[in-house]
Amino acid sequence: PSGAATPVCASIRFNNATPTNAMDWSGLDFTKVTVNSVIDLKGHTLYLADENSAALSQFTVTDSSDGDPGILRISVASGATLANEGVSLTGNLKLKKEGEGTFSAAKAGQAYSGGTDVDAGTVLVGSSGNGHFGSGIVHIPTGTTYDAYGNADSSVNLVLAGGKIANNGVNATLPSTLRMTEDSTIEFAVLPANHDMTIPAGAVWNLGGKTLSVVMDGYDPDLQVRDVTI
């Protein structure tokens, strides 16, 4: 499709789609995307939405542009969790998570380079594997949460800008690279026992003159810090 018209998304199947002009395909129902298809944003914006599915189906979203990254917007309603079980994100692509719900980056090995902006709610890194959020910065502003969820991947490039780190899984490894631009929090407050967090040896955390508060609430969790530069 091309031009200024807005597609009737409920009736479209995509296979190797290439957006043209400055289109925002708002409300594309990702259950209508053909399995194994490739969508190249080429610097444009794609908004994926679904009212019924708890997991994204299998296709690829990429961005082959050399300029500003194409943006993949994913909105999750309050109280809901949406898991990326099958969508590969590659190229010069930025992921923007919207809505008060939780987006689970369950698929490992993502290769997109434009970073991840969390506008609201929670991103959950998944249980294991590398590169859940690509190679760019994961930006956690005030009112949002990075949930390490028992994750063993320390490669996430995290910027805390007033948000918080939590762990709703067991024994999570936190990022080796962390930078703060606003006062932020590591929170154990509502977690059961054994939801420990470890800052891996050799990690470098730059607090940037801000305050990092560690909140505990009687559940006897551990925060392990070994050979770390803060």
Protein backbone atom coordinates (compact mmCIF):
# COMPACT_ATOMS: atom_id res chain seq x y z
CA PRO A 1 0.00 0.00 0.00
CA SER A 2 1.06 3.59 -0.61
CA GLY A 3 -0.18 7.15 -0.46
CA ALA A 4 -2.04 8.88 2.37
CA ALA A 5 -4.89 6.38 2.70
CA THR A 6 -5.21 4.28 5.86
CA PRO A 7 -5.52 0.51 5.21
CA VAL A 8 -8.48 -1.40 6.54
CA CYS A 9 -6.22 -3.48 8.73
CA ALA A 10 -8.63 -6.25 9.67
CA SER A 11 -8.76 -7.47 6.08
CA ILE A 12 -5.10 -7.31 5.08
CA ARG A 13 -2.50 -10.09 4.94
CA PHE A 14 1.13 -8.97 4.76
CA ASN A 15 3.93 -10.80 2.98
CA ASN A 16 7.21 -8.93 2.37
CA ALA A 17 5.44 -5.59 2.84
CA THR A 18 7.27 -2.31 2.19
CA PRO A 19 5.69 0.88 3.56
CA THR A 20 6.03 3.98 1.37
CA ASN A 21 5.58 7.67 2.18
CA ALA A 22 5.10 8.80 5.79
CA MET A 23 2.53 6.20 6.79
CA ASP A 24 1.58 5.15 10.29
CA TRP A 25 -0.31 1.87 9.96
CA SER A 26 -2.11 2.39 13.24
CA GLY A 27 -3.99 -0.58 14.61
CA LEU A 28 -2.54 -3.28 12.35
CA ASP A 29 -3.85 -6.54 13.79
CA PHE A 30 -0.76 -8.73 13.97
CA THR A 31 -2.85 -11.91 13.90
CA LYS A 32 -3.49 -10.94 10.24
CA VAL A 33 0.21 -10.89 9.33
CA THR A 34 1.24 -13.89 7.24
CA VAL A 35 3.48 -16.34 9.08
CA ASN A 36 7.16 -16.01 7.99
CA SER A 37 6.53 -12.71 6.20
CA VAL A 38 8.92 -9.73 6.38
CA ILE A 39 7.82 -6.12 6.99
CA ASP A 40 10.49 -3.51 6.17
CA LEU A 41 9.62 -0.19 7.84
CA LYS A 42 12.20 1.86 5.85
CA GLY A 43 12.13 4.65 8.43
CA HIS A 44 8.36 4.61 8.98
CA THR A 45 6.16 3.64 11.91
CA LEU A 46 4.18 0.47 12.48
CA TYR A 47 1.70 0.08 15.34
CA LEU A 48 0.86 -3.53 16.17
CA ALA A 49 -2.32 -4.20 18.09
CA ASP A 50 -4.37 -7.22 19.08
CA GLU A 51 -7.28 -7.63 21.47
CA ASN A 52 -7.20 -11.40 21.90
CA SER A 53 -3.77 -13.01 21.52
CA ALA A 54 -1.30 -13.38 24.40
CA ALA A 55 1.68 -13.91 22.06
CA LEU A 56 2.88 -12.38 18.82
CA SER A 57 2.82 -14.69 15.78
CA GLN A 58 5.85 -15.62 13.66
CA PHE A 59 7.10 -12.97 11.25
CA THR A 60 9.94 -10.44 10.91
CA VAL A 61 9.89 -6.67 11.33
CA THR A 62 13.03 -4.95 10.06
CA ASP A 63 14.22 -1.50 9.01
CA SER A 64 16.71 -1.07 6.18
CA SER A 65 16.93 2.74 6.33
CA ASP A 66 20.20 4.59 6.96
CA GLY A 67 18.62 7.58 8.72
CA ASP A 68 16.25 7.79 11.68
CA PRO A 69 15.08 4.32 12.71
CA GLY A 70 11.69 2.97 11.83
CA ILE A 71 9.53 2.61 14.94
CA LEU A 72 7.62 -0.49 15.97
CA ARG A 73 4.95 0.60 18.47
CA ILE A 74 3.44 -2.10 20.66
CA SER A 75 0.72 -1.20 23.15
CA VAL A 76 -0.34 -3.51 25.98
CA ALA A 77 -3.44 -2.71 28.04
CA SER A 78 -3.32 -2.39 31.83
CA GLY A 79 -3.42 -5.79 33.51
CA ALA A 80 -2.45 -7.68 30.33
CA THR A 81 0.80 -9.40 29.34
CA LEU A 82 1.89 -9.73 25.72
CA ALA A 83 4.82 -12.07 24.97
CA ASN A 84 7.03 -11.88 21.91
CA GLU A 85 7.36 -15.60 21.24
CA GLY A 86 7.90 -15.47 17.50
CA VAL A 87 8.60 -12.03 15.99
CA SER A 88 12.18 -11.35 14.89
CA LEU A 89 13.25 -7.71 15.15
CA THR A 90 16.22 -6.70 13.00
CA GLY A 91 17.90 -3.75 11.31
CA ASN A 92 17.81 -0.06 12.19
CA LEU A 93 14.62 -0.50 14.20
CA LYS A 94 13.39 1.15 17.42
CA LEU A 95 10.90 -0.66 19.68
CA LYS A 96 8.48 1.60 21.56
CA LYS A 97 6.46 -0.07 24.32
CA GLU A 98 3.21 1.74 25.19
CA GLY A 99 0.30 1.05 27.54
CA GLU A 100 0.27 0.17 31.26
CA GLY A 101 0.50 -3.62 30.73
CA THR A 102 3.57 -5.87 30.45
CA PHE A 103 5.51 -6.66 27.28
CA SER A 104 7.57 -9.84 27.63
CA ALA A 105 10.61 -10.02 25.34
CA ALA A 106 10.62 -13.79 25.54
CA LYS A 107 12.28 -14.39 22.16
CA ALA A 108 16.07 -14.44 22.53
CA GLY A 109 18.65 -13.20 20.05
CA GLN A 110 17.00 -10.01 18.83
CA ALA A 111 19.27 -8.01 16.50
CA TYR A 112 17.62 -4.58 16.15
CA SER A 113 19.87 -1.62 16.88
CA GLY A 114 17.60 1.41 17.41
CA GLY A 115 16.97 0.85 21.11
CA THR A 116 13.86 0.37 23.23
CA ASP A 117 11.77 3.20 24.68
CA VAL A 118 9.37 2.22 27.47
CA ASP A 119 6.68 4.91 27.57
CA ALA A 120 4.50 3.17 30.19
CA GLY A 121 4.08 -0.07 32.11
CA THR A 122 6.63 -2.90 32.29
CA VAL A 123 9.10 -4.69 30.04
CA LEU A 124 9.96 -8.21 31.13
CA VAL A 125 13.26 -9.52 29.84
CA GLY A 126 12.42 -13.24 29.77
CA SER A 127 13.98 -16.28 31.37
CA SER A 128 17.26 -16.82 29.47
CA GLY A 129 19.23 -16.11 26.30
CA ASN A 130 20.97 -13.07 24.83
CA GLY A 131 19.88 -9.86 23.19
CA HIS A 132 16.22 -9.78 24.16
CA PHE A 133 16.14 -6.04 23.52
CA GLY A 134 18.66 -5.82 20.70
CA SER A 135 21.90 -3.84 20.92
CA GLY A 136 20.51 -0.36 21.61
CA ILE A 137 19.68 1.41 24.87
CA VAL A 138 16.68 0.26 26.91
CA HIS A 139 15.25 3.48 28.38
CA ILE A 140 13.33 3.16 31.69
CA PRO A 141 11.75 6.52 32.67
CA THR A 142 9.72 7.48 35.72
CA GLY A 143 6.66 5.29 36.25
CA THR A 144 7.99 2.33 34.25
CA THR A 145 9.63 -0.96 35.25
CA TYR A 146 12.40 -3.20 33.93
CA ASP A 147 11.53 -6.68 35.24
CA ALA A 148 14.64 -8.90 35.19
CA TYR A 149 12.42 -11.97 35.87
CA GLY A 150 15.06 -14.57 36.66
CA ASN A 151 17.04 -13.57 33.59
CA ALA A 152 20.67 -14.64 33.17
CA ASP A 153 21.48 -12.21 30.35
CA SER A 154 23.63 -9.29 31.50
CA SER A 155 24.11 -7.73 28.03
CA VAL A 156 21.11 -5.36 28.14
CA ASN A 157 22.26 -1.72 27.84
CA LEU A 158 20.04 -0.10 30.48
CA VAL A 159 19.43 3.59 31.16
CA LEU A 160 17.42 4.31 34.32
CA ALA A 161 15.70 7.68 33.99
CA GLY A 162 13.55 7.60 37.13
CA GLY A 163 12.12 4.10 36.66
CA LYS A 164 12.78 0.94 38.62
CA ILE A 165 14.32 -2.51 38.35
CA ALA A 166 12.29 -5.40 39.77
CA ASN A 167 12.55 -9.19 39.69
CA ASN A 168 9.38 -11.26 39.57
CA GLY A 169 11.35 -14.40 38.75
CA VAL A 170 14.10 -16.21 40.66
CA ASN A 171 17.79 -15.24 40.89
CA ALA A 172 18.14 -12.62 38.14
CA THR A 173 21.41 -11.30 36.76
CA LEU A 174 21.24 -7.53 36.25
CA PRO A 175 22.83 -5.67 33.31
CA SER A 176 26.61 -5.22 33.22
CA THR A 177 26.14 -1.73 31.75
CA LEU A 178 23.83 0.71 33.51
CA ARG A 179 23.61 4.49 33.40
CA MET A 180 21.31 6.74 35.42
CA THR A 181 19.96 10.13 34.39
CA GLU A 182 17.39 10.53 37.23
CA ASP A 183 16.98 9.13 40.76
CA SER A 184 15.86 5.51 40.35
CA THR A 185 15.07 2.35 42.32
CA ILE A 186 15.81 -1.36 42.66
CA GLU A 187 12.72 -2.79 44.33
CA PHE A 188 12.32 -6.05 46.24
CA ALA A 189 9.30 -4.71 48.12
CA VAL A 190 6.53 -7.05 46.93
CA LEU A 191 8.58 -10.15 46.10
CA PRO A 192 8.70 -13.54 47.85
CA ALA A 193 11.90 -15.12 49.14
CA ASN A 194 14.63 -16.31 46.73
CA HIS A 195 13.97 -13.60 44.15
CA ASP A 196 17.60 -12.53 44.39
CA MET A 197 19.48 -10.22 42.05
CA THR A 198 23.16 -10.27 41.10
CA ILE A 199 25.25 -7.52 39.56
CA PRO A 200 27.83 -9.54 37.58
CA ALA A 201 31.55 -9.25 38.19
CA GLY A 202 33.13 -6.60 35.97
CA ALA A 203 29.93 -4.58 35.66
CA VAL A 204 30.16 -0.79 35.37
CA TRP A 205 27.23 1.23 36.72
CA ASN A 206 27.37 5.01 36.27
CA LEU A 207 24.96 6.71 38.67
CA GLY A 208 25.61 10.10 37.08
CA GLY A 209 25.36 11.95 40.38
CA LYS A 210 21.85 10.59 40.99
CA THR A 211 20.52 8.38 43.81
CA LEU A 212 19.86 4.66 43.37
CA SER A 213 17.57 3.40 46.15
CA VAL A 214 17.39 -0.31 47.02
CA VAL A 215 13.99 -1.07 48.59
CA MET A 216 13.55 -4.27 50.64
CA ASP A 217 10.50 -5.33 52.61
CA GLY A 218 11.20 -8.27 54.91
CA TYR A 219 11.34 -11.14 52.40
CA ASP A 220 15.08 -11.70 52.87
CA PRO A 221 16.20 -11.33 49.24
CA ASP A 222 19.89 -10.89 48.41
CA LEU A 223 21.58 -8.31 46.20
CA GLN A 224 25.02 -9.67 45.28
CA VAL A 225 27.70 -7.17 44.26
CA ARG A 226 31.15 -8.54 43.38
CA ASP A 227 34.02 -6.70 41.69
CA VAL A 228 31.66 -4.05 40.37
CA THR A 229 32.48 -0.44 39.52
CA ILE A 230 29.79 1.98 40.70
